[in-house]
Amino acid sequence: MHGMPIDVMLSGHTHGGQIRLFGYGIDAPGRLTREGGFMKLVSRGYGTTTLPLRLGAAPEVHFITITPSEAKVHE
């Protein structure tokens, strides 16, 4: 996506795993990181799979507020 005129991208079904033992799990833990010029939020989510179990990875929900930047407002 580098070099593309994208201001925001939202996508679903990314998660940081439902089971973590001593800080380790199959997937990377949920967190907010910067990759290139973009912010990336990976959530642990709030549901379960066929096996209704969460261990060491508390459920979480994110509320995202999107506001225009001053530069975009005055274009």
N, C-alpha and C. Protein backbone atom coordinates (compact mmCIF):
# COMPACT_ATOMS: atom_id res chain seq x y z
N MET A 1 0.81 -1.19 0.00
CA MET A 1 0.00 0.00 0.00
C MET A 1 0.86 1.26 0.00
N HIS A 2 2.14 1.08 0.09
CA HIS A 2 3.01 2.26 0.09
C HIS A 2 2.89 2.96 -1.25
N GLY A 3 2.79 4.26 -1.21
CA GLY A 3 2.67 5.05 -2.42
C GLY A 3 1.24 5.19 -2.92
N MET A 4 0.29 4.58 -2.24
CA MET A 4 -1.11 4.68 -2.64
C MET A 4 -1.78 5.77 -1.81
N PRO A 5 -2.75 6.50 -2.40
CA PRO A 5 -3.41 7.59 -1.67
C PRO A 5 -4.49 7.07 -0.72
N ILE A 6 -4.08 6.38 0.33
CA ILE A 6 -5.03 5.81 1.28
C ILE A 6 -4.91 6.55 2.61
N ASP A 7 -6.03 7.05 3.11
CA ASP A 7 -6.03 7.75 4.39
C ASP A 7 -6.33 6.82 5.55
N VAL A 8 -7.20 5.84 5.33
CA VAL A 8 -7.56 4.92 6.39
C VAL A 8 -7.96 3.58 5.78
N MET A 9 -7.63 2.50 6.47
CA MET A 9 -8.05 1.17 6.04
C MET A 9 -8.50 0.42 7.28
N LEU A 10 -9.70 -0.13 7.25
CA LEU A 10 -10.22 -0.93 8.34
C LEU A 10 -10.51 -2.32 7.80
N SER A 11 -10.09 -3.33 8.51
CA SER A 11 -10.37 -4.70 8.08
C SER A 11 -10.69 -5.53 9.30
N GLY A 12 -11.36 -6.64 9.07
CA GLY A 12 -11.76 -7.48 10.19
C GLY A 12 -11.01 -8.79 10.21
N HIS A 13 -11.27 -9.54 11.23
CA HIS A 13 -10.74 -10.88 11.45
C HIS A 13 -9.22 -10.92 11.55
N THR A 14 -8.66 -9.99 12.24
CA THR A 14 -7.26 -10.09 12.66
C THR A 14 -7.29 -10.26 14.16
N HIS A 15 -6.51 -11.16 14.68
CA HIS A 15 -6.56 -11.36 16.12
C HIS A 15 -5.21 -11.79 16.66
N GLY A 16 -5.05 -11.55 17.93
CA GLY A 16 -3.80 -11.88 18.60
C GLY A 16 -3.89 -13.17 19.39
N GLY A 17 -4.81 -14.03 19.02
CA GLY A 17 -4.90 -15.34 19.66
C GLY A 17 -5.81 -15.37 20.87
N GLN A 18 -6.39 -16.53 21.12
CA GLN A 18 -7.30 -16.70 22.25
C GLN A 18 -6.63 -17.44 23.41
N ILE A 19 -5.53 -18.11 23.12
CA ILE A 19 -4.84 -18.87 24.16
C ILE A 19 -3.37 -18.46 24.18
N ARG A 20 -2.90 -17.99 25.33
CA ARG A 20 -1.51 -17.61 25.49
C ARG A 20 -1.02 -18.18 26.81
N LEU A 21 0.07 -18.91 26.76
CA LEU A 21 0.66 -19.50 27.96
C LEU A 21 2.00 -18.83 28.22
N PHE A 22 2.13 -18.21 29.39
CA PHE A 22 3.36 -17.52 29.78
C PHE A 22 3.77 -16.48 28.73
N GLY A 23 2.76 -15.83 28.09
CA GLY A 23 3.03 -14.79 27.10
C GLY A 23 3.24 -15.30 25.69
N TYR A 24 3.19 -16.60 25.48
CA TYR A 24 3.42 -17.17 24.15
C TYR A 24 2.14 -17.77 23.60
N GLY A 25 1.96 -17.67 22.28
CA GLY A 25 0.80 -18.24 21.63
C GLY A 25 1.10 -18.48 20.16
N ILE A 26 0.10 -19.01 19.46
CA ILE A 26 0.29 -19.30 18.03
C ILE A 26 0.44 -18.01 17.24
N ASP A 27 -0.39 -17.01 17.52
CA ASP A 27 -0.34 -15.73 16.83
C ASP A 27 0.38 -14.70 17.68
N ALA A 28 0.79 -13.61 17.04
CA ALA A 28 1.37 -12.50 17.79
C ALA A 28 0.31 -11.93 18.72
N PRO A 29 0.69 -11.39 19.87
CA PRO A 29 -0.32 -10.83 20.77
C PRO A 29 -0.97 -9.59 20.17
N GLY A 30 -2.20 -9.31 20.61
CA GLY A 30 -2.88 -8.11 20.16
C GLY A 30 -2.13 -6.88 20.61
N ARG A 31 -2.00 -5.90 19.69
CA ARG A 31 -1.27 -4.68 20.03
C ARG A 31 -1.42 -3.65 18.92
N LEU A 32 -1.03 -2.43 19.20
CA LEU A 32 -1.01 -1.34 18.23
C LEU A 32 0.45 -1.11 17.85
N THR A 33 0.75 -1.19 16.56
CA THR A 33 2.12 -1.00 16.08
C THR A 33 2.12 -0.05 14.89
N ARG A 34 3.29 0.44 14.55
CA ARG A 34 3.46 1.26 13.35
C ARG A 34 4.25 0.43 12.35
N GLU A 35 3.70 0.30 11.14
CA GLU A 35 4.38 -0.42 10.07
C GLU A 35 4.49 0.52 8.88
N GLY A 36 5.72 0.92 8.57
CA GLY A 36 5.88 1.93 7.54
C GLY A 36 5.27 3.22 8.01
N GLY A 37 4.39 3.81 7.23
CA GLY A 37 3.72 5.04 7.63
C GLY A 37 2.33 4.80 8.17
N PHE A 38 2.00 3.55 8.49
CA PHE A 38 0.64 3.21 8.92
C PHE A 38 0.62 2.68 10.34
N MET A 39 -0.49 2.92 11.01
CA MET A 39 -0.73 2.32 12.32
C MET A 39 -1.52 1.05 12.10
N LYS A 40 -1.16 -0.01 12.82
CA LYS A 40 -1.82 -1.31 12.66
C LYS A 40 -2.29 -1.78 14.04
N LEU A 41 -3.58 -2.05 14.15
CA LEU A 41 -4.17 -2.53 15.39
C LEU A 41 -4.57 -3.99 15.20
N VAL A 42 -3.99 -4.87 15.98
CA VAL A 42 -4.37 -6.27 16.00
C VAL A 42 -5.05 -6.52 17.33
N SER A 43 -6.27 -7.01 17.28
CA SER A 43 -7.07 -7.19 18.48
C SER A 43 -7.11 -8.66 18.89
N ARG A 44 -7.26 -8.89 20.19
CA ARG A 44 -7.48 -10.26 20.66
C ARG A 44 -8.92 -10.69 20.42
N GLY A 45 -9.78 -9.73 20.08
CA GLY A 45 -11.18 -10.04 19.82
C GLY A 45 -11.94 -10.34 21.10
N TYR A 46 -13.17 -10.80 20.95
CA TYR A 46 -13.97 -11.05 22.15
C TYR A 46 -14.70 -12.38 22.11
N GLY A 47 -14.59 -13.13 21.03
CA GLY A 47 -15.30 -14.41 20.94
C GLY A 47 -14.37 -15.59 21.14
N THR A 48 -14.91 -16.75 20.84
CA THR A 48 -14.14 -17.98 20.89
C THR A 48 -14.43 -18.78 19.63
N THR A 49 -13.78 -19.92 19.49
CA THR A 49 -14.03 -20.81 18.36
C THR A 49 -14.90 -21.96 18.83
N THR A 50 -14.81 -23.09 18.18
CA THR A 50 -15.61 -24.25 18.56
C THR A 50 -15.42 -24.60 20.03
N LEU A 51 -14.19 -24.53 20.48
CA LEU A 51 -13.87 -24.77 21.89
C LEU A 51 -14.00 -23.43 22.63
N PRO A 52 -15.02 -23.25 23.47
CA PRO A 52 -15.24 -21.96 24.12
C PRO A 52 -14.24 -21.70 25.24
N LEU A 53 -13.02 -21.34 24.86
CA LEU A 53 -11.95 -21.18 25.83
C LEU A 53 -11.11 -19.96 25.49
N ARG A 54 -10.79 -19.17 26.49
CA ARG A 54 -9.81 -18.09 26.39
C ARG A 54 -8.89 -18.26 27.58
N LEU A 55 -7.59 -18.25 27.33
CA LEU A 55 -6.63 -18.46 28.40
C LEU A 55 -5.46 -17.50 28.21
N GLY A 56 -5.27 -16.60 29.15
CA GLY A 56 -4.15 -15.66 29.08
C GLY A 56 -4.32 -14.58 28.04
N ALA A 57 -5.50 -14.48 27.44
CA ALA A 57 -5.77 -13.46 26.43
C ALA A 57 -7.18 -12.93 26.66
N ALA A 58 -7.30 -11.98 27.54
CA ALA A 58 -8.62 -11.42 27.88
C ALA A 58 -9.29 -10.85 26.64
N PRO A 59 -10.61 -10.97 26.54
CA PRO A 59 -11.30 -10.39 25.37
C PRO A 59 -11.20 -8.87 25.38
N GLU A 60 -11.22 -8.28 24.18
CA GLU A 60 -11.15 -6.82 24.09
C GLU A 60 -11.95 -6.34 22.88
N VAL A 61 -12.52 -5.15 23.02
CA VAL A 61 -13.25 -4.48 21.96
C VAL A 61 -12.66 -3.10 21.80
N HIS A 62 -12.53 -2.64 20.58
CA HIS A 62 -11.95 -1.32 20.32
C HIS A 62 -12.99 -0.40 19.71
N PHE A 63 -13.04 0.83 20.19
CA PHE A 63 -13.87 1.87 19.61
C PHE A 63 -12.91 2.83 18.92
N ILE A 64 -13.09 3.01 17.63
CA ILE A 64 -12.19 3.85 16.83
C ILE A 64 -12.94 5.10 16.42
N THR A 65 -12.40 6.25 16.73
CA THR A 65 -12.98 7.52 16.33
C THR A 65 -12.16 8.08 15.18
N ILE A 66 -12.81 8.32 14.07
CA ILE A 66 -12.13 8.84 12.89
C ILE A 66 -12.51 10.30 12.72
N THR A 67 -11.51 11.16 12.71
CA THR A 67 -11.74 12.59 12.52
C THR A 67 -10.86 13.07 11.38
N PRO A 68 -11.32 14.05 10.62
CA PRO A 68 -10.49 14.57 9.52
C PRO A 68 -9.33 15.39 10.06
N SER A 69 -8.21 15.32 9.36
CA SER A 69 -7.10 16.17 9.75
C SER A 69 -7.38 17.59 9.27
N GLU A 70 -6.71 18.57 9.84
CA GLU A 70 -6.90 19.96 9.44
C GLU A 70 -6.54 20.14 7.96
N ALA A 71 -5.52 19.45 7.50
CA ALA A 71 -5.11 19.57 6.09
C ALA A 71 -6.24 19.11 5.16
N LYS A 72 -6.94 18.04 5.50
CA LYS A 72 -8.01 17.52 4.66
C LYS A 72 -9.25 18.42 4.71
N VAL A 73 -9.51 19.05 5.84
CA VAL A 73 -10.69 19.90 5.99
C VAL A 73 -10.58 21.12 5.08
N HIS A 74 -9.39 21.67 4.91
CA HIS A 74 -9.21 22.91 4.17
C HIS A 74 -8.83 22.70 2.70
N GLU A 75 -8.88 21.49 2.20
CA GLU A 75 -8.53 21.25 0.78
C GLU A 75 -9.64 21.69 -0.11
